[in-house]
Amino acid sequence: MKTRAYTIRISEYDRLEDLPEEPAALVRKAIEAAGKAYAPYSEYYVGACLLLENGEIICGNNQENAASPSGLCAERVALFCAGARFPGIPVSRIAVAAIQNGQVQDQPVSPCGSCRQVLFEKERIAGKPMEVILYGSSRIQVLSSASDLLPLPFILSPGT
């Protein structure tokens, strides 16, 4: 038997002003995108913005539907939009923020399992890390790689 330990490093910031300008600007866009989400059922509004390697910024937000689970999370809306508009262009960075009860969530919002898998796969296809910024008004977490969110991803075996 072998025992393995997985370690991730998370940089934490207390205020948006402490982030470098480019990541902070992406967070502000994610907050703006969250405010435009369609979330009449959960009233939980999430925004995600991507910085692509070519300099393009793509934003998405959660889109709910009465026929749940027909909706889609903000992260996947942004990632799939980027894939449709700019196929093959790697994502350099993603910022995620949420609004609940009219206020930006104070703790960092973390992607769901499905979004983590999609983030992992986009990063793996690109062959380079994607920085992940999880924003909360009282704490910001920055991970240097999307794979840190999902240390045991689903991977199809070769030939399938």
N, C-alpha and C. Protein backbone atom coordinates (compact mmCIF):
# COMPACT_ATOMS: atom_id res chain seq x y z
N MET A 1 0.84 -1.18 0.00
CA MET A 1 0.00 0.00 0.00
C MET A 1 0.89 1.25 0.00
N LYS A 2 0.42 2.26 -0.73
CA LYS A 2 1.09 3.55 -0.75
C LYS A 2 0.13 4.60 -0.19
N THR A 3 0.69 5.55 0.47
CA THR A 3 -0.10 6.69 0.94
C THR A 3 0.44 7.93 0.26
N ARG A 4 -0.46 8.73 -0.30
CA ARG A 4 -0.06 9.96 -0.97
C ARG A 4 -0.72 11.14 -0.28
N ALA A 5 -0.03 12.24 -0.29
CA ALA A 5 -0.58 13.48 0.25
C ALA A 5 -0.57 14.51 -0.88
N TYR A 6 -1.66 15.24 -1.01
CA TYR A 6 -1.76 16.30 -2.01
C TYR A 6 -1.74 17.63 -1.28
N THR A 7 -0.91 18.53 -1.76
CA THR A 7 -0.79 19.85 -1.14
C THR A 7 -1.06 20.92 -2.18
N ILE A 8 -1.86 21.90 -1.80
CA ILE A 8 -2.07 23.05 -2.68
C ILE A 8 -1.66 24.31 -1.93
N ARG A 9 -1.25 25.29 -2.68
CA ARG A 9 -0.89 26.58 -2.10
C ARG A 9 -1.91 27.61 -2.55
N ILE A 10 -2.41 28.35 -1.58
CA ILE A 10 -3.39 29.40 -1.86
C ILE A 10 -2.85 30.71 -1.31
N SER A 11 -2.76 31.71 -2.18
CA SER A 11 -2.39 33.04 -1.72
C SER A 11 -3.66 33.75 -1.30
N GLU A 12 -3.64 34.39 -0.14
CA GLU A 12 -4.83 35.08 0.35
C GLU A 12 -4.57 36.57 0.49
N TYR A 13 -5.57 37.34 0.12
CA TYR A 13 -5.52 38.79 0.21
C TYR A 13 -6.75 39.24 1.00
N ASP A 14 -6.60 40.34 1.74
CA ASP A 14 -7.71 40.86 2.53
C ASP A 14 -8.60 41.83 1.76
N ARG A 15 -7.99 42.52 0.80
CA ARG A 15 -8.74 43.56 0.08
C ARG A 15 -8.43 43.48 -1.41
N LEU A 16 -9.38 43.89 -2.21
CA LEU A 16 -9.20 43.91 -3.66
C LEU A 16 -8.02 44.81 -4.04
N GLU A 17 -7.82 45.88 -3.30
CA GLU A 17 -6.74 46.82 -3.58
C GLU A 17 -5.36 46.18 -3.40
N ASP A 18 -5.29 45.06 -2.69
CA ASP A 18 -4.01 44.39 -2.48
C ASP A 18 -3.59 43.53 -3.67
N LEU A 19 -4.53 43.20 -4.54
CA LEU A 19 -4.22 42.42 -5.75
C LEU A 19 -3.53 43.32 -6.77
N PRO A 20 -2.67 42.75 -7.63
CA PRO A 20 -2.15 43.53 -8.75
C PRO A 20 -3.31 44.03 -9.62
N GLU A 21 -3.09 45.08 -10.38
CA GLU A 21 -4.18 45.74 -11.12
C GLU A 21 -4.89 44.83 -12.11
N GLU A 22 -4.18 44.03 -12.88
CA GLU A 22 -4.83 43.20 -13.90
C GLU A 22 -5.79 42.17 -13.28
N PRO A 23 -5.37 41.42 -12.26
CA PRO A 23 -6.32 40.51 -11.61
C PRO A 23 -7.47 41.25 -10.93
N ALA A 24 -7.18 42.40 -10.33
CA ALA A 24 -8.24 43.17 -9.66
C ALA A 24 -9.28 43.64 -10.67
N ALA A 25 -8.85 44.06 -11.85
CA ALA A 25 -9.78 44.49 -12.90
C ALA A 25 -10.67 43.33 -13.33
N LEU A 26 -10.10 42.12 -13.40
CA LEU A 26 -10.88 40.95 -13.79
C LEU A 26 -11.92 40.63 -12.70
N VAL A 27 -11.56 40.79 -11.45
CA VAL A 27 -12.50 40.58 -10.35
C VAL A 27 -13.65 41.57 -10.45
N ARG A 28 -13.35 42.83 -10.71
CA ARG A 28 -14.41 43.84 -10.84
C ARG A 28 -15.37 43.47 -11.97
N LYS A 29 -14.84 42.93 -13.05
CA LYS A 29 -15.71 42.49 -14.16
C LYS A 29 -16.56 41.28 -13.74
N ALA A 30 -16.00 40.40 -12.92
CA ALA A 30 -16.76 39.24 -12.43
C ALA A 30 -17.90 39.69 -11.53
N ILE A 31 -17.66 40.69 -10.70
CA ILE A 31 -18.72 41.23 -9.84
C ILE A 31 -19.82 41.85 -10.71
N GLU A 32 -19.41 42.60 -11.72
CA GLU A 32 -20.38 43.19 -12.65
C GLU A 32 -21.19 42.11 -13.36
N ALA A 33 -20.53 41.06 -13.80
CA ALA A 33 -21.22 39.95 -14.47
C ALA A 33 -22.20 39.27 -13.52
N ALA A 34 -21.82 39.12 -12.25
CA ALA A 34 -22.72 38.51 -11.26
C ALA A 34 -24.02 39.30 -11.16
N GLY A 35 -23.91 40.61 -11.22
CA GLY A 35 -25.10 41.47 -11.13
C GLY A 35 -26.06 41.31 -12.29
N LYS A 36 -25.59 40.71 -13.38
CA LYS A 36 -26.43 40.50 -14.57
C LYS A 36 -26.92 39.06 -14.71
N ALA A 37 -26.63 38.22 -13.71
CA ALA A 37 -27.02 36.81 -13.77
C ALA A 37 -28.54 36.65 -13.78
N TYR A 38 -29.00 35.53 -14.30
CA TYR A 38 -30.42 35.19 -14.27
C TYR A 38 -30.60 34.10 -13.22
N ALA A 39 -30.99 34.52 -12.02
CA ALA A 39 -31.09 33.59 -10.90
C ALA A 39 -32.36 33.84 -10.08
N PRO A 40 -33.54 33.77 -10.73
CA PRO A 40 -34.78 34.07 -10.00
C PRO A 40 -35.18 33.00 -8.98
N TYR A 41 -34.61 31.82 -9.06
CA TYR A 41 -35.01 30.73 -8.17
C TYR A 41 -34.13 30.67 -6.93
N SER A 42 -32.82 30.72 -7.11
CA SER A 42 -31.90 30.66 -5.96
C SER A 42 -31.58 32.04 -5.40
N GLU A 43 -31.72 33.06 -6.22
CA GLU A 43 -31.32 34.42 -5.87
C GLU A 43 -29.86 34.47 -5.45
N TYR A 44 -29.07 33.61 -6.06
CA TYR A 44 -27.62 33.55 -5.86
C TYR A 44 -26.98 33.86 -7.20
N TYR A 45 -26.38 35.02 -7.30
CA TYR A 45 -25.90 35.55 -8.58
C TYR A 45 -24.38 35.41 -8.65
N VAL A 46 -23.90 34.66 -9.63
CA VAL A 46 -22.47 34.39 -9.75
C VAL A 46 -21.97 34.92 -11.09
N GLY A 47 -20.80 35.52 -11.05
CA GLY A 47 -20.14 36.00 -12.26
C GLY A 47 -18.75 35.40 -12.36
N ALA A 48 -18.34 35.09 -13.57
CA ALA A 48 -16.99 34.57 -13.82
C ALA A 48 -16.44 35.27 -15.05
N CYS A 49 -15.22 35.74 -14.96
CA CYS A 49 -14.57 36.38 -16.11
C CYS A 49 -13.22 35.73 -16.36
N LEU A 50 -12.94 35.53 -17.63
CA LEU A 50 -11.71 34.90 -18.07
C LEU A 50 -10.82 35.90 -18.78
N LEU A 51 -9.53 35.77 -18.58
CA LEU A 51 -8.55 36.46 -19.40
C LEU A 51 -7.93 35.39 -20.28
N LEU A 52 -8.10 35.54 -21.59
CA LEU A 52 -7.51 34.59 -22.52
C LEU A 52 -6.08 35.00 -22.84
N GLU A 53 -5.30 34.05 -23.31
CA GLU A 53 -3.91 34.32 -23.64
C GLU A 53 -3.76 35.39 -24.73
N ASN A 54 -4.78 35.55 -25.57
CA ASN A 54 -4.72 36.56 -26.63
C ASN A 54 -5.17 37.94 -26.14
N GLY A 55 -5.44 38.08 -24.83
CA GLY A 55 -5.84 39.36 -24.26
C GLY A 55 -7.34 39.59 -24.19
N GLU A 56 -8.13 38.74 -24.81
CA GLU A 56 -9.59 38.87 -24.76
C GLU A 56 -10.09 38.55 -23.36
N ILE A 57 -11.14 39.25 -22.97
CA ILE A 57 -11.81 38.99 -21.69
C ILE A 57 -13.22 38.50 -22.01
N ILE A 58 -13.57 37.37 -21.46
CA ILE A 58 -14.89 36.77 -21.65
C ILE A 58 -15.54 36.61 -20.28
N CYS A 59 -16.76 37.14 -20.16
CA CYS A 59 -17.48 37.02 -18.89
C CYS A 59 -18.74 36.17 -19.06
N GLY A 60 -19.12 35.53 -18.00
CA GLY A 60 -20.35 34.75 -17.97
C GLY A 60 -20.98 34.86 -16.60
N ASN A 61 -22.22 34.43 -16.50
CA ASN A 61 -22.91 34.41 -15.22
C ASN A 61 -23.86 33.23 -15.19
N ASN A 62 -24.30 32.87 -13.99
CA ASN A 62 -25.18 31.72 -13.90
C ASN A 62 -26.53 32.03 -14.55
N GLN A 63 -27.07 31.00 -15.18
CA GLN A 63 -28.34 31.09 -15.90
C GLN A 63 -29.23 29.96 -15.41
N GLU A 64 -30.23 30.31 -14.62
CA GLU A 64 -31.14 29.30 -14.06
C GLU A 64 -32.32 29.05 -15.00
N ASN A 65 -33.03 27.98 -14.71
CA ASN A 65 -34.19 27.62 -15.49
C ASN A 65 -35.17 26.89 -14.57
N ALA A 66 -36.46 27.09 -14.79
CA ALA A 66 -37.47 26.43 -13.96
C ALA A 66 -37.35 24.91 -14.03
N ALA A 67 -36.86 24.41 -15.15
CA ALA A 67 -36.67 22.97 -15.31
C ALA A 67 -35.27 22.60 -14.80
N SER A 68 -35.04 22.87 -13.51
CA SER A 68 -33.74 22.56 -12.91
C SER A 68 -33.44 21.08 -13.09
N PRO A 69 -32.26 20.68 -13.46
CA PRO A 69 -31.00 21.40 -13.50
C PRO A 69 -30.63 21.89 -14.91
N SER A 70 -31.55 22.45 -15.63
CA SER A 70 -31.27 22.90 -17.00
C SER A 70 -30.40 24.14 -17.07
N GLY A 71 -30.18 24.81 -15.97
CA GLY A 71 -29.36 26.02 -15.96
C GLY A 71 -27.89 25.68 -16.06
N LEU A 72 -27.07 26.71 -15.98
CA LEU A 72 -25.64 26.52 -16.10
C LEU A 72 -24.91 27.52 -15.20
N CYS A 73 -23.81 27.08 -14.63
CA CYS A 73 -22.99 27.91 -13.75
C CYS A 73 -22.22 28.97 -14.54
N ALA A 74 -21.85 30.04 -13.86
CA ALA A 74 -21.14 31.15 -14.48
C ALA A 74 -19.81 30.72 -15.10
N GLU A 75 -19.09 29.86 -14.41
CA GLU A 75 -17.78 29.44 -14.90
C GLU A 75 -17.90 28.72 -16.24
N ARG A 76 -18.87 27.80 -16.34
CA ARG A 76 -19.03 27.07 -17.60
C ARG A 76 -19.60 27.94 -18.70
N VAL A 77 -20.47 28.89 -18.35
CA VAL A 77 -20.97 29.82 -19.37
C VAL A 77 -19.78 30.55 -19.99
N ALA A 78 -18.89 31.08 -19.15
CA ALA A 78 -17.73 31.82 -19.65
C ALA A 78 -16.77 30.92 -20.42
N LEU A 79 -16.47 29.75 -19.88
CA LEU A 79 -15.53 28.84 -20.54
C LEU A 79 -16.06 28.34 -21.88
N PHE A 80 -17.34 28.00 -21.94
CA PHE A 80 -17.89 27.49 -23.20
C PHE A 80 -18.02 28.61 -24.23
N CYS A 81 -18.34 29.82 -23.78
CA CYS A 81 -18.38 30.96 -24.69
C CYS A 81 -16.98 31.21 -25.27
N ALA A 82 -15.96 31.18 -24.42
CA ALA A 82 -14.59 31.38 -24.88
C ALA A 82 -14.20 30.29 -25.88
N GLY A 83 -14.60 29.05 -25.60
CA GLY A 83 -14.27 27.96 -26.50
C GLY A 83 -14.96 28.10 -27.85
N ALA A 84 -16.17 28.65 -27.85
CA ALA A 84 -16.90 28.85 -29.11
C ALA A 84 -16.33 30.03 -29.91
N ARG A 85 -15.98 31.10 -29.20
CA ARG A 85 -15.49 32.31 -29.89
C ARG A 85 -14.01 32.25 -30.23
N PHE A 86 -13.22 31.62 -29.37
CA PHE A 86 -11.77 31.60 -29.55
C PHE A 86 -11.24 30.18 -29.33
N PRO A 87 -11.62 29.24 -30.19
CA PRO A 87 -11.19 27.85 -30.00
C PRO A 87 -9.66 27.73 -29.97
N GLY A 88 -9.19 26.95 -29.02
CA GLY A 88 -7.77 26.68 -28.93
C GLY A 88 -6.95 27.74 -28.21
N ILE A 89 -7.57 28.86 -27.82
CA ILE A 89 -6.84 29.90 -27.10
C ILE A 89 -6.90 29.59 -25.61
N PRO A 90 -5.75 29.42 -24.96
CA PRO A 90 -5.75 29.08 -23.53
C PRO A 90 -6.28 30.21 -22.64
N VAL A 91 -6.82 29.81 -21.51
CA VAL A 91 -7.28 30.73 -20.48
C VAL A 91 -6.10 30.97 -19.54
N SER A 92 -5.72 32.22 -19.37
CA SER A 92 -4.63 32.57 -18.45
C SER A 92 -5.10 32.68 -17.01
N ARG A 93 -6.33 33.22 -16.86
CA ARG A 93 -6.82 33.53 -15.51
C ARG A 93 -8.34 33.53 -15.53
N ILE A 94 -8.94 33.12 -14.40
CA ILE A 94 -10.39 33.23 -14.20
C ILE A 94 -10.64 33.85 -12.83
N ALA A 95 -11.60 34.75 -12.78
CA ALA A 95 -12.04 35.35 -11.50
C ALA A 95 -13.51 35.02 -11.31
N VAL A 96 -13.88 34.66 -10.09
CA VAL A 96 -15.26 34.27 -9.77
C VAL A 96 -15.72 35.08 -8.55
N ALA A 97 -16.95 35.62 -8.64
CA ALA A 97 -17.52 36.40 -7.54
C ALA A 97 -19.02 36.11 -7.48
N ALA A 98 -19.63 36.34 -6.32
CA ALA A 98 -21.06 36.07 -6.15
C ALA A 98 -21.73 37.19 -5.37
N ILE A 99 -23.02 37.36 -5.65
CA ILE A 99 -23.85 38.34 -4.96
C ILE A 99 -25.05 37.58 -4.37
N GLN A 100 -25.31 37.82 -3.09
CA GLN A 100 -26.46 37.21 -2.42
C GLN A 100 -27.08 38.28 -1.52
N ASN A 101 -28.40 38.34 -1.54
CA ASN A 101 -29.12 39.34 -0.75
C ASN A 101 -28.64 40.77 -1.05
N GLY A 102 -28.32 41.00 -2.32
CA GLY A 102 -27.91 42.33 -2.76
C GLY A 102 -26.49 42.73 -2.39
N GLN A 103 -25.73 41.83 -1.78
CA GLN A 103 -24.37 42.13 -1.35
C GLN A 103 -23.38 41.16 -1.97
N VAL A 104 -22.20 41.67 -2.30
CA VAL A 104 -21.14 40.77 -2.75
C VAL A 104 -20.82 39.83 -1.59
N GLN A 105 -20.74 38.55 -1.89
CA GLN A 105 -20.47 37.55 -0.85
C GLN A 105 -19.15 37.87 -0.17
N ASP A 106 -19.13 37.77 1.16
CA ASP A 106 -17.91 38.15 1.89
C ASP A 106 -16.83 37.08 1.86
N GLN A 107 -17.21 35.82 1.70
CA GLN A 107 -16.23 34.74 1.62
C GLN A 107 -16.03 34.34 0.15
N PRO A 108 -14.85 33.85 -0.20
CA PRO A 108 -14.60 33.45 -1.59
C PRO A 108 -15.60 32.41 -2.06
N VAL A 109 -16.07 32.58 -3.28
CA VAL A 109 -16.99 31.62 -3.88
C VAL A 109 -16.15 30.61 -4.66
N SER A 110 -16.42 29.34 -4.44
CA SER A 110 -15.63 28.28 -5.05
C SER A 110 -16.47 27.52 -6.08
N PRO A 111 -15.90 27.16 -7.21
CA PRO A 111 -16.65 26.46 -8.25
C PRO A 111 -17.20 25.10 -7.79
N CYS A 112 -18.32 24.71 -8.36
CA CYS A 112 -18.90 23.39 -8.07
C CYS A 112 -18.04 22.31 -8.71
N GLY A 113 -18.35 21.08 -8.43
CA GLY A 113 -17.58 19.95 -8.96
C GLY A 113 -17.56 19.89 -10.48
N SER A 114 -18.70 20.12 -11.12
CA SER A 114 -18.75 20.10 -12.59
C SER A 114 -17.86 21.18 -13.17
N CYS A 115 -17.91 22.37 -12.61
CA CYS A 115 -17.07 23.47 -13.09
C CYS A 115 -15.59 23.16 -12.86
N ARG A 116 -15.28 22.55 -11.73
CA ARG A 116 -13.88 22.19 -11.46
C ARG A 116 -13.36 21.23 -12.52
N GLN A 117 -14.20 20.28 -12.93
CA GLN A 117 -13.78 19.33 -13.95
C GLN A 117 -13.55 20.03 -15.28
N VAL A 118 -14.44 20.95 -15.66
CA VAL A 118 -14.28 21.68 -16.92
C VAL A 118 -13.04 22.56 -16.86
N LEU A 119 -12.81 23.26 -15.74
CA LEU A 119 -11.61 24.07 -15.57
C LEU A 119 -10.36 23.21 -15.73
N PHE A 120 -10.36 22.06 -15.06
CA PHE A 120 -9.22 21.14 -15.14
C PHE A 120 -8.95 20.74 -16.59
N GLU A 121 -10.01 20.37 -17.30
CA GLU A 121 -9.82 19.89 -18.67
C GLU A 121 -9.33 21.00 -19.60
N LYS A 122 -9.88 22.21 -19.45
CA LYS A 122 -9.41 23.35 -20.27
C LYS A 122 -7.93 23.61 -20.00
N GLU A 123 -7.54 23.55 -18.75
CA GLU A 123 -6.14 23.75 -18.39
C GLU A 123 -5.26 22.64 -18.96
N ARG A 124 -5.72 21.43 -18.86
CA ARG A 124 -4.95 20.27 -19.35
C ARG A 124 -4.76 20.35 -20.86
N ILE A 125 -5.82 20.71 -21.58
CA ILE A 125 -5.73 20.83 -23.04
C ILE A 125 -4.73 21.92 -23.43
N ALA A 126 -4.74 23.03 -22.68
CA ALA A 126 -3.83 24.14 -22.97
C ALA A 126 -2.38 23.80 -22.64
N GLY A 127 -2.19 22.89 -21.69
CA GLY A 127 -0.84 22.50 -21.30
C GLY A 127 -0.11 23.55 -20.48
N LYS A 128 -0.88 24.45 -19.88
CA LYS A 128 -0.28 25.47 -19.01
C LYS A 128 -1.27 25.84 -17.93
N PRO A 129 -0.77 26.31 -16.79
CA PRO A 129 -1.67 26.60 -15.67
C PRO A 129 -2.59 27.79 -15.93
N MET A 130 -3.76 27.72 -15.31
CA MET A 130 -4.76 28.78 -15.33
C MET A 130 -4.89 29.30 -13.90
N GLU A 131 -4.57 30.55 -13.69
CA GLU A 131 -4.72 31.13 -12.35
C GLU A 131 -6.21 31.26 -12.02
N VAL A 132 -6.58 30.96 -10.79
CA VAL A 132 -7.97 31.02 -10.34
C VAL A 132 -8.07 32.01 -9.18
N ILE A 133 -8.94 33.00 -9.34
CA ILE A 133 -9.16 34.00 -8.29
C ILE A 133 -10.57 33.81 -7.75
N LEU A 134 -10.69 33.47 -6.49
CA LEU A 134 -11.97 33.27 -5.83
C LEU A 134 -12.20 34.47 -4.92
N TYR A 135 -13.17 35.30 -5.30
CA TYR A 135 -13.34 36.57 -4.62
C TYR A 135 -14.40 36.53 -3.53
N GLY A 136 -14.06 37.12 -2.41
CA GLY A 136 -14.98 37.43 -1.34
C GLY A 136 -14.60 38.81 -0.84
N SER A 137 -15.56 39.61 -0.43
CA SER A 137 -15.24 40.99 -0.05
C SER A 137 -14.34 41.09 1.18
N SER A 138 -14.29 40.02 2.01
CA SER A 138 -13.42 40.06 3.18
C SER A 138 -12.20 39.15 3.04
N ARG A 139 -12.15 38.38 1.95
CA ARG A 139 -11.00 37.49 1.73
C ARG A 139 -10.98 37.08 0.28
N ILE A 140 -9.81 37.11 -0.33
CA ILE A 140 -9.63 36.71 -1.72
C ILE A 140 -8.61 35.59 -1.74
N GLN A 141 -8.94 34.51 -2.44
CA GLN A 141 -8.02 33.38 -2.56
C GLN A 141 -7.56 33.26 -4.02
N VAL A 142 -6.26 33.07 -4.20
CA VAL A 142 -5.69 32.94 -5.53
C VAL A 142 -4.93 31.62 -5.60
N LEU A 143 -5.31 30.80 -6.56
CA LEU A 143 -4.64 29.53 -6.80
C LEU A 143 -3.87 29.65 -8.11
N SER A 144 -2.68 29.10 -8.17
CA SER A 144 -1.86 29.25 -9.37
C SER A 144 -2.27 28.30 -10.49
N SER A 145 -3.14 27.35 -10.18
CA SER A 145 -3.55 26.37 -11.19
C SER A 145 -4.96 25.86 -10.90
N ALA A 146 -5.76 25.71 -11.95
CA ALA A 146 -7.11 25.17 -11.79
C ALA A 146 -7.07 23.73 -11.29
N SER A 147 -6.01 23.00 -11.60
CA SER A 147 -5.92 21.61 -11.15
C SER A 147 -5.83 21.52 -9.63
N ASP A 148 -5.46 22.61 -8.96
CA ASP A 148 -5.45 22.61 -7.50
C ASP A 148 -6.86 22.48 -6.93
N LEU A 149 -7.86 22.87 -7.70
CA LEU A 149 -9.25 22.74 -7.26
C LEU A 149 -9.76 21.30 -7.33
N LEU A 150 -9.08 20.47 -8.12
CA LEU A 150 -9.56 19.11 -8.36
C LEU A 150 -8.37 18.16 -8.46
N PRO A 151 -7.81 17.75 -7.31
CA PRO A 151 -6.61 16.92 -7.36
C PRO A 151 -6.84 15.52 -7.93
N LEU A 152 -8.07 15.05 -7.93
CA LEU A 152 -8.36 13.71 -8.47
C LEU A 152 -9.43 13.84 -9.56
N PRO A 153 -9.06 14.35 -10.73
CA PRO A 153 -10.03 14.59 -11.80
C PRO A 153 -10.46 13.30 -12.50
N PHE A 154 -11.57 13.40 -13.21
CA PHE A 154 -12.01 12.32 -14.07
C PHE A 154 -11.24 12.43 -15.38
N ILE A 155 -10.55 11.37 -15.77
CA ILE A 155 -9.80 11.35 -17.03
C ILE A 155 -10.16 10.07 -17.75
N LEU A 156 -10.57 10.20 -19.00
CA LEU A 156 -10.85 9.01 -19.80
C LEU A 156 -9.56 8.28 -20.09
N SER A 157 -9.61 6.97 -20.02
CA SER A 157 -8.43 6.17 -20.35
C SER A 157 -8.13 6.27 -21.84
N PRO A 158 -6.86 6.16 -22.24
CA PRO A 158 -6.54 6.20 -23.68
C PRO A 158 -7.33 5.13 -24.43
N GLY A 159 -7.79 5.50 -25.60
CA GLY A 159 -8.52 4.54 -26.43
C GLY A 159 -10.02 4.55 -26.20
N THR A 160 -10.52 5.38 -25.26
CA THR A 160 -11.96 5.43 -25.03
C THR A 160 -12.55 6.70 -25.57
